[in-house]
């Protein structure tokens, strides 16, 4: 078995699939961050709404990816391809992102918020200057989970026409080609680890050392 040889002999195909995979992940991540972080901030001020939104995210997260891809593929105007793949992956990102933002905001010490109110801060000022900065460790934990999650589930989009690394794995299984399977799985794993590492470095730059989790331990997103 020569996985490196397989990658070298099929370099153009592997590069094309890798590029498509990374592009899909980055597009989904950008859309998800904008949509679900703002949603998490909104529901943190309305607990009844928070229960409904987080519950919906949990339900979506429990649906097998191949089923959700198939369901949305049959919706008129979506069909096969990138549009459906993007929509489904954004929906899967809902649960970890919304829960981490909501949990982070709700975990801010009430005495700190009260002190801000005593200084005459408005609700928006409290959110942007106190709650959001103090919630960043939990939010970043959710982002890192989301990045790895999206990178893995994106491989399943090959069943709805996405030409990404999932195709290497699927074709390898179909042909009984272990080299093709391992090559696809290995590259997906490297992408996930690289993105997680990049997010970790970004976290250390953005978040104040005083707010970073002691001992490198991440907050529990699902708590």
N, C-alpha and C. Protein backbone atom coordinates (compact mmCIF):
# COMPACT_ATOMS: atom_id res chain seq x y z
N UNK A 1 0.85 -1.19 0.00
CA UNK A 1 0.00 0.00 0.00
C UNK A 1 0.89 1.25 0.00
N UNK A 2 0.64 2.14 -0.96
CA UNK A 2 1.46 3.34 -1.10
C UNK A 2 0.54 4.56 -1.25
N UNK A 3 0.09 5.10 -0.13
CA UNK A 3 -0.84 6.23 -0.15
C UNK A 3 -0.17 7.47 -0.73
N UNK A 4 1.07 7.72 -0.34
CA UNK A 4 1.79 8.89 -0.85
C UNK A 4 1.95 8.78 -2.36
N UNK A 5 2.24 7.57 -2.84
CA UNK A 5 2.36 7.36 -4.28
C UNK A 5 1.05 7.63 -5.00
N UNK A 6 -0.06 7.21 -4.40
CA UNK A 6 -1.37 7.47 -5.01
C UNK A 6 -1.63 8.97 -5.11
N UNK A 7 -1.32 9.70 -4.03
CA UNK A 7 -1.54 11.15 -4.05
C UNK A 7 -0.65 11.81 -5.10
N UNK A 8 0.60 11.36 -5.21
CA UNK A 8 1.52 11.93 -6.18
C UNK A 8 1.07 11.63 -7.61
N UNK A 9 0.63 10.41 -7.86
CA UNK A 9 0.21 10.03 -9.21
C UNK A 9 -1.09 10.70 -9.64
N UNK A 10 -1.90 11.10 -8.66
CA UNK A 10 -3.19 11.74 -8.97
C UNK A 10 -3.24 13.15 -8.39
N UNK A 11 -2.10 13.83 -8.46
CA UNK A 11 -1.95 15.12 -7.79
C UNK A 11 -2.98 16.15 -8.26
N UNK A 12 -3.21 16.23 -9.57
CA UNK A 12 -4.14 17.25 -10.08
C UNK A 12 -5.56 17.01 -9.58
N UNK A 13 -5.99 15.75 -9.57
CA UNK A 13 -7.33 15.41 -9.09
C UNK A 13 -7.45 15.66 -7.58
N UNK A 14 -6.44 15.23 -6.84
CA UNK A 14 -6.45 15.41 -5.39
C UNK A 14 -6.45 16.90 -5.03
N UNK A 15 -5.67 17.70 -5.74
CA UNK A 15 -5.64 19.14 -5.48
C UNK A 15 -6.98 19.79 -5.78
N UNK A 16 -7.61 19.35 -6.88
CA UNK A 16 -8.92 19.91 -7.23
C UNK A 16 -9.96 19.58 -6.16
N UNK A 17 -9.98 18.34 -5.72
CA UNK A 17 -10.93 17.94 -4.67
C UNK A 17 -10.64 18.67 -3.36
N UNK A 18 -9.34 18.80 -3.04
CA UNK A 18 -8.96 19.49 -1.80
C UNK A 18 -9.37 20.96 -1.85
N UNK A 19 -9.13 21.61 -2.99
CA UNK A 19 -9.53 23.01 -3.14
C UNK A 19 -11.02 23.20 -3.00
N UNK A 20 -11.80 22.31 -3.63
CA UNK A 20 -13.26 22.39 -3.53
C UNK A 20 -13.72 22.18 -2.09
N UNK A 21 -13.07 21.24 -1.40
CA UNK A 21 -13.44 20.94 -0.02
C UNK A 21 -13.19 22.14 0.88
N UNK A 22 -12.01 22.71 0.77
CA UNK A 22 -11.66 23.87 1.61
C UNK A 22 -12.56 25.05 1.29
N UNK A 23 -12.84 25.28 0.00
CA UNK A 23 -13.71 26.39 -0.39
C UNK A 23 -15.09 26.25 0.21
N UNK A 24 -15.64 25.03 0.16
CA UNK A 24 -16.96 24.79 0.74
C UNK A 24 -16.95 25.05 2.25
N UNK A 25 -15.94 24.55 2.93
CA UNK A 25 -15.85 24.73 4.38
C UNK A 25 -15.76 26.21 4.75
N UNK A 26 -14.94 26.96 4.03
CA UNK A 26 -14.76 28.38 4.35
C UNK A 26 -16.02 29.20 4.08
N UNK A 27 -16.71 28.90 2.98
CA UNK A 27 -17.97 29.60 2.68
C UNK A 27 -19.00 29.32 3.77
N UNK A 28 -19.13 28.04 4.13
CA UNK A 28 -20.10 27.66 5.17
C UNK A 28 -19.73 28.30 6.50
N UNK A 29 -18.45 28.32 6.83
CA UNK A 29 -18.02 28.90 8.10
C UNK A 29 -18.34 30.39 8.15
N UNK A 30 -18.07 31.11 7.05
CA UNK A 30 -18.35 32.55 7.02
C UNK A 30 -19.84 32.83 7.19
N UNK A 31 -20.67 32.08 6.47
CA UNK A 31 -22.12 32.26 6.58
C UNK A 31 -22.62 31.90 7.98
N UNK A 32 -22.09 30.80 8.51
CA UNK A 32 -22.55 30.32 9.82
C UNK A 32 -22.18 31.29 10.94
N UNK A 33 -20.97 31.83 10.88
CA UNK A 33 -20.55 32.77 11.92
C UNK A 33 -21.44 34.00 11.94
N UNK A 34 -21.71 34.55 10.75
CA UNK A 34 -22.56 35.73 10.68
C UNK A 34 -23.97 35.46 11.16
N UNK A 35 -24.53 34.33 10.74
CA UNK A 35 -25.93 34.01 11.05
C UNK A 35 -26.11 33.55 12.49
N UNK A 36 -25.33 32.57 12.91
CA UNK A 36 -25.60 31.92 14.20
C UNK A 36 -25.04 32.66 15.40
N UNK A 37 -23.95 33.41 15.23
CA UNK A 37 -23.47 34.21 16.35
C UNK A 37 -24.46 35.34 16.65
N UNK A 38 -24.97 35.98 15.60
CA UNK A 38 -25.98 37.03 15.82
C UNK A 38 -27.24 36.44 16.43
N UNK A 39 -27.61 35.23 16.00
CA UNK A 39 -28.78 34.56 16.59
C UNK A 39 -28.54 34.26 18.06
N UNK A 40 -27.36 33.77 18.39
CA UNK A 40 -27.03 33.48 19.78
C UNK A 40 -27.08 34.71 20.66
N UNK A 41 -26.60 35.84 20.13
CA UNK A 41 -26.66 37.09 20.89
C UNK A 41 -28.10 37.53 21.11
N UNK A 42 -28.93 37.34 20.10
CA UNK A 42 -30.34 37.73 20.20
C UNK A 42 -31.08 36.91 21.25
N UNK A 43 -30.91 35.59 21.19
CA UNK A 43 -31.68 34.74 22.10
C UNK A 43 -31.16 34.81 23.54
N UNK A 44 -29.94 35.30 23.72
CA UNK A 44 -29.41 35.41 25.08
C UNK A 44 -30.18 36.43 25.90
N UNK A 45 -30.95 37.26 25.23
CA UNK A 45 -31.76 38.27 25.92
C UNK A 45 -33.23 37.86 26.02
N UNK A 46 -33.55 36.70 25.45
CA UNK A 46 -34.94 36.22 25.45
C UNK A 46 -34.93 34.71 25.70
N UNK A 47 -35.06 34.30 26.94
CA UNK A 47 -34.88 32.90 27.31
C UNK A 47 -35.92 31.97 26.69
N UNK A 48 -37.16 32.43 26.54
CA UNK A 48 -38.16 31.58 25.90
C UNK A 48 -37.78 31.28 24.46
N UNK A 49 -37.34 32.32 23.77
CA UNK A 49 -36.89 32.14 22.39
C UNK A 49 -35.65 31.26 22.35
N UNK A 50 -34.78 31.40 23.34
CA UNK A 50 -33.56 30.60 23.39
C UNK A 50 -33.88 29.11 23.44
N UNK A 51 -34.85 28.73 24.27
CA UNK A 51 -35.22 27.32 24.36
C UNK A 51 -35.70 26.76 23.04
N UNK A 52 -36.51 27.54 22.32
CA UNK A 52 -37.04 27.08 21.03
C UNK A 52 -35.94 26.96 19.98
N UNK A 53 -35.08 27.97 19.91
CA UNK A 53 -34.02 27.98 18.88
C UNK A 53 -33.00 26.88 19.15
N UNK A 54 -32.57 26.74 20.40
CA UNK A 54 -31.60 25.69 20.73
C UNK A 54 -32.22 24.31 20.54
N UNK A 55 -33.49 24.17 20.87
CA UNK A 55 -34.18 22.90 20.63
C UNK A 55 -34.22 22.55 19.16
N UNK A 56 -34.50 23.55 18.31
CA UNK A 56 -34.50 23.32 16.86
C UNK A 56 -33.11 22.90 16.38
N UNK A 57 -32.09 23.57 16.90
CA UNK A 57 -30.72 23.21 16.53
C UNK A 57 -30.38 21.79 16.92
N UNK A 58 -30.84 21.36 18.08
CA UNK A 58 -30.59 19.98 18.53
C UNK A 58 -31.28 18.97 17.63
N UNK A 59 -32.52 19.29 17.22
CA UNK A 59 -33.26 18.38 16.34
C UNK A 59 -32.54 18.23 15.01
N UNK A 60 -32.12 19.35 14.42
CA UNK A 60 -31.40 19.31 13.14
C UNK A 60 -30.12 18.51 13.29
N UNK A 61 -29.41 18.72 14.39
CA UNK A 61 -28.13 18.06 14.60
C UNK A 61 -28.28 16.55 14.72
N UNK A 62 -29.45 16.10 15.18
CA UNK A 62 -29.69 14.66 15.36
C UNK A 62 -30.07 13.95 14.07
N UNK A 63 -30.40 14.70 13.02
CA UNK A 63 -30.78 14.09 11.74
C UNK A 63 -29.51 13.64 11.02
N UNK A 64 -29.43 12.40 10.57
CA UNK A 64 -28.25 11.94 9.82
C UNK A 64 -27.99 12.82 8.61
N UNK A 65 -26.73 13.12 8.35
CA UNK A 65 -26.39 14.06 7.29
C UNK A 65 -26.87 13.61 5.92
N UNK A 66 -26.78 12.32 5.62
CA UNK A 66 -27.20 11.84 4.31
C UNK A 66 -28.70 12.06 4.12
N UNK A 67 -29.47 11.95 5.21
CA UNK A 67 -30.91 12.17 5.14
C UNK A 67 -31.22 13.64 4.89
N UNK A 68 -30.49 14.52 5.58
CA UNK A 68 -30.75 15.95 5.42
C UNK A 68 -30.33 16.44 4.03
N UNK A 69 -29.21 15.92 3.52
CA UNK A 69 -28.81 16.24 2.15
C UNK A 69 -29.88 15.79 1.16
N UNK A 70 -30.38 14.58 1.35
CA UNK A 70 -31.40 14.05 0.45
C UNK A 70 -32.69 14.85 0.53
N UNK A 71 -33.07 15.26 1.74
CA UNK A 71 -34.30 16.03 1.93
C UNK A 71 -34.23 17.37 1.20
N UNK A 72 -33.16 18.10 1.40
CA UNK A 72 -33.05 19.42 0.77
C UNK A 72 -32.76 19.33 -0.72
N UNK A 73 -32.15 18.24 -1.14
CA UNK A 73 -31.91 18.06 -2.57
C UNK A 73 -33.21 18.01 -3.36
N UNK A 74 -34.28 17.54 -2.71
CA UNK A 74 -35.58 17.40 -3.38
C UNK A 74 -36.39 18.69 -3.38
N UNK A 75 -35.89 19.74 -2.70
CA UNK A 75 -36.59 21.02 -2.66
C UNK A 75 -36.40 21.74 -3.99
N UNK A 76 -37.48 22.20 -4.63
CA UNK A 76 -37.35 22.93 -5.89
C UNK A 76 -36.44 24.15 -5.74
N UNK A 77 -35.53 24.30 -6.68
CA UNK A 77 -34.61 25.42 -6.64
C UNK A 77 -33.28 25.11 -6.00
N UNK A 78 -33.20 23.96 -5.32
CA UNK A 78 -31.94 23.56 -4.71
C UNK A 78 -31.27 22.47 -5.54
N UNK A 79 -31.79 21.25 -5.45
CA UNK A 79 -31.25 20.16 -6.27
C UNK A 79 -29.84 19.76 -5.88
N UNK A 80 -29.12 19.22 -6.85
CA UNK A 80 -27.75 18.76 -6.62
C UNK A 80 -26.78 19.93 -6.61
N UNK A 81 -25.69 19.76 -5.87
CA UNK A 81 -24.61 20.73 -5.98
C UNK A 81 -24.35 21.58 -4.75
N UNK A 82 -23.58 22.64 -4.99
CA UNK A 82 -23.03 23.48 -3.92
C UNK A 82 -24.11 24.18 -3.09
N UNK A 83 -25.19 24.61 -3.72
CA UNK A 83 -26.21 25.35 -2.99
C UNK A 83 -26.81 24.52 -1.85
N UNK A 84 -27.19 23.30 -2.19
CA UNK A 84 -27.77 22.41 -1.17
C UNK A 84 -26.74 22.05 -0.11
N UNK A 85 -25.52 21.76 -0.55
CA UNK A 85 -24.46 21.41 0.40
C UNK A 85 -24.21 22.54 1.39
N UNK A 86 -24.17 23.76 0.88
CA UNK A 86 -23.93 24.92 1.75
C UNK A 86 -25.06 25.09 2.77
N UNK A 87 -26.30 25.00 2.30
CA UNK A 87 -27.45 25.18 3.19
C UNK A 87 -27.45 24.14 4.31
N UNK A 88 -27.24 22.89 3.96
CA UNK A 88 -27.28 21.82 4.96
C UNK A 88 -26.16 21.98 5.98
N UNK A 89 -24.97 22.31 5.53
CA UNK A 89 -23.84 22.47 6.45
C UNK A 89 -24.03 23.68 7.37
N UNK A 90 -24.62 24.74 6.85
CA UNK A 90 -24.93 25.90 7.70
C UNK A 90 -25.92 25.50 8.79
N UNK A 91 -26.89 24.67 8.45
CA UNK A 91 -27.86 24.20 9.44
C UNK A 91 -27.18 23.34 10.51
N UNK A 92 -26.22 22.51 10.10
CA UNK A 92 -25.51 21.68 11.08
C UNK A 92 -24.65 22.54 12.02
N UNK A 93 -24.20 23.69 11.53
CA UNK A 93 -23.38 24.57 12.36
C UNK A 93 -24.21 25.31 13.41
N UNK A 94 -25.53 25.26 13.27
CA UNK A 94 -26.41 26.02 14.16
C UNK A 94 -26.23 25.63 15.62
N UNK A 95 -26.29 24.35 15.92
CA UNK A 95 -26.30 23.90 17.30
C UNK A 95 -25.03 24.30 18.07
N UNK A 96 -23.82 23.95 17.58
CA UNK A 96 -22.64 24.31 18.38
C UNK A 96 -22.41 25.80 18.50
N UNK A 97 -22.72 26.57 17.45
CA UNK A 97 -22.47 28.00 17.51
C UNK A 97 -23.48 28.72 18.39
N UNK A 98 -24.76 28.45 18.18
CA UNK A 98 -25.79 29.13 18.97
C UNK A 98 -25.65 28.78 20.45
N UNK A 99 -25.43 27.51 20.74
CA UNK A 99 -25.31 27.10 22.15
C UNK A 99 -24.08 27.71 22.81
N UNK A 100 -22.98 27.79 22.09
CA UNK A 100 -21.77 28.34 22.70
C UNK A 100 -21.91 29.83 22.97
N UNK A 101 -22.53 30.55 22.03
CA UNK A 101 -22.74 31.99 22.24
C UNK A 101 -23.70 32.22 23.41
N UNK A 102 -24.81 31.49 23.40
CA UNK A 102 -25.80 31.64 24.47
C UNK A 102 -25.19 31.28 25.83
N UNK A 103 -24.47 30.15 25.88
CA UNK A 103 -23.85 29.73 27.14
C UNK A 103 -22.81 30.73 27.61
N UNK A 104 -22.03 31.27 26.66
CA UNK A 104 -21.00 32.24 27.02
C UNK A 104 -21.58 33.51 27.59
N UNK A 105 -22.62 34.03 26.94
CA UNK A 105 -23.25 35.26 27.42
C UNK A 105 -23.90 35.05 28.78
N UNK A 106 -24.58 33.91 28.94
CA UNK A 106 -25.28 33.65 30.20
C UNK A 106 -24.32 33.36 31.35
N UNK A 107 -23.08 32.99 31.03
CA UNK A 107 -22.12 32.65 32.08
C UNK A 107 -21.40 33.86 32.66
N UNK A 108 -21.60 35.03 32.04
CA UNK A 108 -20.94 36.24 32.54
C UNK A 108 -21.47 36.56 33.93
N UNK A 109 -20.58 36.83 34.84
CA UNK A 109 -20.93 37.11 36.24
C UNK A 109 -21.92 38.28 36.32
N UNK A 110 -23.04 38.04 36.99
CA UNK A 110 -24.07 39.07 37.10
C UNK A 110 -23.60 40.32 37.81
N UNK A 111 -22.64 40.17 38.73
CA UNK A 111 -22.15 41.36 39.44
C UNK A 111 -21.38 42.30 38.51
N UNK A 112 -20.72 41.71 37.50
CA UNK A 112 -20.01 42.54 36.52
C UNK A 112 -21.02 43.32 35.68
N UNK A 113 -22.09 42.64 35.27
CA UNK A 113 -23.14 43.30 34.50
C UNK A 113 -23.80 44.40 35.33
N UNK A 114 -24.05 44.11 36.60
CA UNK A 114 -24.66 45.11 37.48
C UNK A 114 -23.75 46.33 37.64
N UNK A 115 -22.46 46.08 37.70
CA UNK A 115 -21.51 47.19 37.81
C UNK A 115 -21.57 48.07 36.57
N UNK A 116 -21.70 47.43 35.40
CA UNK A 116 -21.84 48.19 34.16
C UNK A 116 -23.11 49.03 34.15
N UNK A 117 -24.19 48.43 34.64
CA UNK A 117 -25.45 49.18 34.73
C UNK A 117 -25.30 50.37 35.67
N UNK A 118 -24.58 50.15 36.76
CA UNK A 118 -24.36 51.23 37.71
C UNK A 118 -23.56 52.38 37.13
N UNK A 119 -22.76 52.08 36.09
CA UNK A 119 -21.98 53.12 35.42
C UNK A 119 -22.78 53.81 34.34
N UNK A 120 -24.04 53.39 34.17
CA UNK A 120 -24.91 54.04 33.19
C UNK A 120 -24.86 53.44 31.80
N UNK A 121 -24.32 52.24 31.66
CA UNK A 121 -24.26 51.60 30.34
C UNK A 121 -25.64 51.17 29.89
N UNK A 122 -25.88 51.30 28.58
CA UNK A 122 -27.12 50.81 28.00
C UNK A 122 -27.02 49.31 27.78
N UNK A 123 -28.14 48.68 27.41
CA UNK A 123 -28.13 47.24 27.16
C UNK A 123 -27.16 46.86 26.07
N UNK A 124 -27.09 47.66 25.00
CA UNK A 124 -26.17 47.37 23.90
C UNK A 124 -24.73 47.53 24.34
N UNK A 125 -24.45 48.56 25.13
CA UNK A 125 -23.09 48.76 25.63
C UNK A 125 -22.66 47.62 26.55
N UNK A 126 -23.58 47.16 27.39
CA UNK A 126 -23.28 46.02 28.26
C UNK A 126 -22.93 44.80 27.43
N UNK A 127 -23.69 44.58 26.36
CA UNK A 127 -23.48 43.41 25.51
C UNK A 127 -22.12 43.48 24.81
N UNK A 128 -21.82 44.63 24.20
CA UNK A 128 -20.62 44.75 23.37
C UNK A 128 -19.34 44.96 24.17
N UNK A 129 -19.45 45.63 25.31
CA UNK A 129 -18.24 45.98 26.07
C UNK A 129 -17.95 45.05 27.24
N UNK A 130 -18.96 44.32 27.70
CA UNK A 130 -18.75 43.44 28.85
C UNK A 130 -19.06 41.98 28.51
N UNK A 131 -20.29 41.71 28.08
CA UNK A 131 -20.72 40.32 27.92
C UNK A 131 -20.01 39.61 26.77
N UNK A 132 -19.95 40.24 25.60
CA UNK A 132 -19.31 39.58 24.45
C UNK A 132 -17.83 39.32 24.70
N UNK A 133 -17.04 40.31 25.15
CA UNK A 133 -15.62 40.02 25.42
C UNK A 133 -15.42 38.90 26.43
N UNK A 134 -16.25 38.85 27.48
CA UNK A 134 -16.09 37.82 28.49
C UNK A 134 -16.60 36.46 28.03
N UNK A 135 -17.45 36.47 26.99
CA UNK A 135 -17.99 35.21 26.46
C UNK A 135 -17.10 34.60 25.38
N UNK A 136 -16.06 35.33 24.93
CA UNK A 136 -15.26 34.87 23.81
C UNK A 136 -14.67 33.46 23.97
N UNK A 137 -14.16 33.08 25.15
CA UNK A 137 -13.62 31.72 25.26
C UNK A 137 -14.64 30.65 24.91
N UNK A 138 -15.87 30.79 25.41
CA UNK A 138 -16.92 29.82 25.09
C UNK A 138 -17.29 29.87 23.62
N UNK A 139 -17.34 31.09 23.06
CA UNK A 139 -17.69 31.25 21.65
C UNK A 139 -16.63 30.59 20.77
N UNK A 140 -15.36 30.80 21.09
CA UNK A 140 -14.29 30.21 20.29
C UNK A 140 -14.30 28.69 20.39
N UNK A 141 -14.67 28.17 21.56
CA UNK A 141 -14.79 26.72 21.68
C UNK A 141 -15.84 26.20 20.70
N UNK A 142 -16.96 26.92 20.60
CA UNK A 142 -18.01 26.53 19.66
C UNK A 142 -17.55 26.64 18.22
N UNK A 143 -16.78 27.68 17.91
CA UNK A 143 -16.28 27.87 16.54
C UNK A 143 -15.34 26.72 16.16
N UNK A 144 -14.47 26.33 17.08
CA UNK A 144 -13.52 25.26 16.77
C UNK A 144 -14.23 23.93 16.58
N UNK A 145 -15.23 23.67 17.40
CA UNK A 145 -16.04 22.46 17.21
C UNK A 145 -16.72 22.49 15.85
N UNK A 146 -17.25 23.66 15.48
CA UNK A 146 -17.97 23.81 14.22
C UNK A 146 -17.05 23.58 13.02
N UNK A 147 -15.84 24.11 13.08
CA UNK A 147 -14.90 23.95 11.98
C UNK A 147 -14.61 22.47 11.71
N UNK A 148 -14.32 21.73 12.76
CA UNK A 148 -14.04 20.30 12.61
C UNK A 148 -15.28 19.55 12.13
N UNK A 149 -16.43 19.91 12.68
CA UNK A 149 -17.69 19.28 12.31
C UNK A 149 -18.00 19.48 10.83
N UNK A 150 -17.91 20.71 10.37
CA UNK A 150 -18.22 21.03 8.97
C UNK A 150 -17.25 20.32 8.03
N UNK A 151 -15.97 20.32 8.40
CA UNK A 151 -14.97 19.68 7.54
C UNK A 151 -15.28 18.20 7.34
N UNK A 152 -15.73 17.54 8.40
CA UNK A 152 -16.06 16.12 8.29
C UNK A 152 -17.34 15.86 7.53
N UNK A 153 -18.41 16.57 7.88
CA UNK A 153 -19.71 16.33 7.24
C UNK A 153 -19.68 16.73 5.77
N UNK A 154 -18.81 17.67 5.41
CA UNK A 154 -18.72 18.10 4.00
C UNK A 154 -18.39 16.94 3.07
N UNK A 155 -17.72 15.90 3.60
CA UNK A 155 -17.40 14.75 2.74
C UNK A 155 -18.68 14.07 2.24
N UNK A 156 -19.76 14.14 3.02
CA UNK A 156 -21.02 13.49 2.63
C UNK A 156 -21.70 14.22 1.48
N UNK A 157 -21.29 15.46 1.24
CA UNK A 157 -21.90 16.23 0.15
C UNK A 157 -21.56 15.65 -1.21
N UNK A 158 -20.61 14.72 -1.26
CA UNK A 158 -20.30 14.08 -2.54
C UNK A 158 -21.50 13.33 -3.09
N UNK A 159 -22.42 12.90 -2.21
CA UNK A 159 -23.60 12.16 -2.66
C UNK A 159 -24.63 13.05 -3.34
N UNK A 160 -24.46 14.38 -3.23
CA UNK A 160 -25.37 15.27 -3.95
C UNK A 160 -24.62 16.08 -5.01
N UNK A 161 -23.50 15.53 -5.46
CA UNK A 161 -22.81 16.12 -6.60
C UNK A 161 -21.60 16.97 -6.29
N UNK A 162 -21.25 17.16 -5.01
CA UNK A 162 -20.05 17.93 -4.68
C UNK A 162 -18.81 17.14 -5.05
N UNK A 163 -17.91 17.79 -5.75
CA UNK A 163 -16.67 17.12 -6.14
C UNK A 163 -15.57 17.52 -5.15
N UNK A 164 -15.63 16.89 -3.98
CA UNK A 164 -14.64 17.19 -2.95
C UNK A 164 -13.97 15.90 -2.48
N UNK A 165 -13.29 15.95 -1.36
CA UNK A 165 -12.54 14.79 -0.88
C UNK A 165 -13.43 13.61 -0.51
N UNK A 166 -14.71 13.88 -0.26
CA UNK A 166 -15.63 12.78 -0.02
C UNK A 166 -15.74 11.85 -1.21
N UNK A 167 -15.51 12.40 -2.40
CA UNK A 167 -15.57 11.56 -3.60
C UNK A 167 -14.44 10.54 -3.62
N UNK A 168 -13.27 10.93 -3.15
CA UNK A 168 -12.17 9.96 -3.07
C UNK A 168 -12.54 8.81 -2.14
N UNK A 169 -13.10 9.16 -0.99
CA UNK A 169 -13.46 8.12 -0.01
C UNK A 169 -14.57 7.23 -0.57
N UNK A 170 -15.59 7.84 -1.16
CA UNK A 170 -16.71 7.06 -1.69
C UNK A 170 -16.28 6.16 -2.83
N UNK A 171 -15.52 6.71 -3.77
CA UNK A 171 -15.05 5.89 -4.89
C UNK A 171 -14.10 4.80 -4.42
N UNK A 172 -13.30 5.12 -3.40
CA UNK A 172 -12.40 4.11 -2.87
C UNK A 172 -13.16 2.95 -2.26
N UNK A 173 -14.25 3.25 -1.54
CA UNK A 173 -15.08 2.19 -0.96
C UNK A 173 -15.74 1.38 -2.06
N UNK A 174 -16.26 2.06 -3.08
CA UNK A 174 -16.93 1.38 -4.19
C UNK A 174 -15.99 0.43 -4.92
N UNK A 175 -14.76 0.87 -5.12
CA UNK A 175 -13.78 0.08 -5.88
C UNK A 175 -12.97 -0.86 -4.99
N UNK A 176 -13.12 -0.74 -3.69
CA UNK A 176 -12.30 -1.54 -2.80
C UNK A 176 -10.85 -1.11 -2.83
N UNK A 177 -10.62 0.19 -3.06
CA UNK A 177 -9.27 0.74 -3.18
C UNK A 177 -8.87 1.39 -1.85
N UNK A 178 -8.09 0.68 -1.07
CA UNK A 178 -7.71 1.18 0.26
C UNK A 178 -6.87 2.44 0.17
N UNK A 179 -6.01 2.53 -0.84
CA UNK A 179 -5.16 3.72 -0.99
C UNK A 179 -6.00 4.97 -1.20
N UNK A 180 -7.03 4.87 -2.02
CA UNK A 180 -7.91 6.00 -2.30
C UNK A 180 -8.68 6.41 -1.04
N UNK A 181 -9.17 5.42 -0.30
CA UNK A 181 -9.91 5.70 0.93
C UNK A 181 -9.02 6.42 1.94
N UNK A 182 -7.84 5.87 2.17
CA UNK A 182 -6.93 6.44 3.17
C UNK A 182 -6.47 7.83 2.75
N UNK A 183 -6.20 8.01 1.46
CA UNK A 183 -5.77 9.32 0.97
C UNK A 183 -6.83 10.38 1.25
N UNK A 184 -8.08 10.07 0.92
CA UNK A 184 -9.16 11.02 1.16
C UNK A 184 -9.34 11.31 2.64
N UNK A 185 -9.37 10.24 3.45
CA UNK A 185 -9.57 10.41 4.89
C UNK A 185 -8.41 11.17 5.53
N UNK A 186 -7.20 10.88 5.07
CA UNK A 186 -6.01 11.52 5.63
C UNK A 186 -6.01 13.02 5.35
N UNK A 187 -6.34 13.40 4.11
CA UNK A 187 -6.33 14.82 3.75
C UNK A 187 -7.43 15.58 4.49
N UNK A 188 -8.60 14.97 4.61
CA UNK A 188 -9.69 15.61 5.37
C UNK A 188 -9.26 15.83 6.82
N UNK A 189 -8.60 14.84 7.40
CA UNK A 189 -8.13 14.96 8.78
C UNK A 189 -7.10 16.07 8.93
N UNK A 190 -6.20 16.16 7.96
CA UNK A 190 -5.17 17.21 8.00
C UNK A 190 -5.81 18.59 7.91
N UNK A 191 -6.81 18.73 7.03
CA UNK A 191 -7.51 20.01 6.89
C UNK A 191 -8.18 20.39 8.20
N UNK A 192 -8.88 19.44 8.81
CA UNK A 192 -9.58 19.71 10.07
C UNK A 192 -8.60 20.12 11.17
N UNK A 193 -7.49 19.40 11.27
CA UNK A 193 -6.49 19.71 12.30
C UNK A 193 -5.84 21.07 12.04
N UNK A 194 -5.56 21.37 10.76
CA UNK A 194 -4.93 22.64 10.41
C UNK A 194 -5.86 23.82 10.73
N UNK A 195 -7.13 23.68 10.39
CA UNK A 195 -8.09 24.74 10.68
C UNK A 195 -8.28 24.92 12.18
N UNK A 196 -8.33 23.81 12.91
CA UNK A 196 -8.47 23.90 14.36
C UNK A 196 -7.25 24.57 14.98
N UNK A 197 -6.07 24.23 14.48
CA UNK A 197 -4.84 24.86 14.98
C UNK A 197 -4.85 26.36 14.69
N UNK A 198 -5.28 26.73 13.47
CA UNK A 198 -5.33 28.15 13.11
C UNK A 198 -6.30 28.91 14.01
N UNK A 199 -7.45 28.29 14.30
CA UNK A 199 -8.41 28.93 15.18
C UNK A 199 -7.86 29.05 16.60
N UNK A 200 -7.09 28.05 17.03
CA UNK A 200 -6.48 28.10 18.34
C UNK A 200 -5.48 29.25 18.46
N UNK A 201 -4.68 29.43 17.40
CA UNK A 201 -3.73 30.54 17.40
C UNK A 201 -4.46 31.88 17.41
N UNK A 202 -5.53 31.97 16.64
CA UNK A 202 -6.32 33.19 16.59
C UNK A 202 -6.94 33.49 17.96
N UNK A 203 -7.38 32.42 18.62
CA UNK A 203 -7.98 32.58 19.95
C UNK A 203 -6.98 33.19 20.93
N UNK A 204 -5.74 32.73 20.88
CA UNK A 204 -4.72 33.25 21.80
C UNK A 204 -4.40 34.72 21.52
N UNK A 205 -4.54 35.12 20.25
CA UNK A 205 -4.25 36.51 19.88
C UNK A 205 -5.39 37.44 20.29
N UNK A 206 -6.62 36.99 20.06
CA UNK A 206 -7.79 37.84 20.27
C UNK A 206 -8.20 37.93 21.73
N UNK A 207 -8.19 36.80 22.42
CA UNK A 207 -8.73 36.76 23.78
C UNK A 207 -7.68 37.17 24.80
N UNK A 208 -8.09 38.00 25.72
CA UNK A 208 -7.20 38.42 26.82
C UNK A 208 -6.73 37.21 27.61
N UNK A 209 -5.45 37.15 27.96
CA UNK A 209 -4.94 35.99 28.72
C UNK A 209 -5.73 35.72 29.99
N UNK A 210 -6.26 36.78 30.60
CA UNK A 210 -7.03 36.60 31.83
C UNK A 210 -8.34 35.87 31.62
N UNK A 211 -8.83 35.85 30.36
CA UNK A 211 -10.10 35.18 30.06
C UNK A 211 -9.89 33.79 29.48
N UNK A 212 -8.66 33.49 29.08
CA UNK A 212 -8.41 32.19 28.48
C UNK A 212 -8.55 31.09 29.52
N UNK A 213 -9.02 29.94 29.07
CA UNK A 213 -9.27 28.83 29.98
C UNK A 213 -7.96 28.32 30.54
N UNK A 214 -7.90 28.16 31.84
CA UNK A 214 -6.67 27.70 32.49
C UNK A 214 -6.34 26.28 32.08
N UNK A 215 -5.04 26.06 31.86
CA UNK A 215 -4.57 24.71 31.56
C UNK A 215 -4.94 24.21 30.19
N UNK A 216 -5.41 25.10 29.29
CA UNK A 216 -5.75 24.69 27.94
C UNK A 216 -7.03 23.93 27.83
N UNK A 217 -7.83 23.90 28.89
CA UNK A 217 -9.08 23.14 28.88
C UNK A 217 -10.19 23.99 28.30
N UNK A 218 -10.94 23.45 27.35
CA UNK A 218 -12.00 24.20 26.70
C UNK A 218 -13.28 24.16 27.53
N UNK A 219 -14.10 25.23 27.39
CA UNK A 219 -15.40 25.20 28.04
C UNK A 219 -16.27 24.14 27.40
N UNK A 220 -17.24 23.64 28.13
CA UNK A 220 -18.16 22.64 27.60
C UNK A 220 -19.29 23.34 26.87
N UNK A 221 -19.29 23.19 25.52
CA UNK A 221 -20.27 23.88 24.70
C UNK A 221 -21.66 23.38 24.98
N UNK A 222 -21.80 22.10 25.20
CA UNK A 222 -23.13 21.53 25.36
C UNK A 222 -23.66 21.57 26.77
N UNK A 223 -22.97 22.25 27.65
CA UNK A 223 -23.40 22.26 29.05
C UNK A 223 -24.70 23.04 29.22
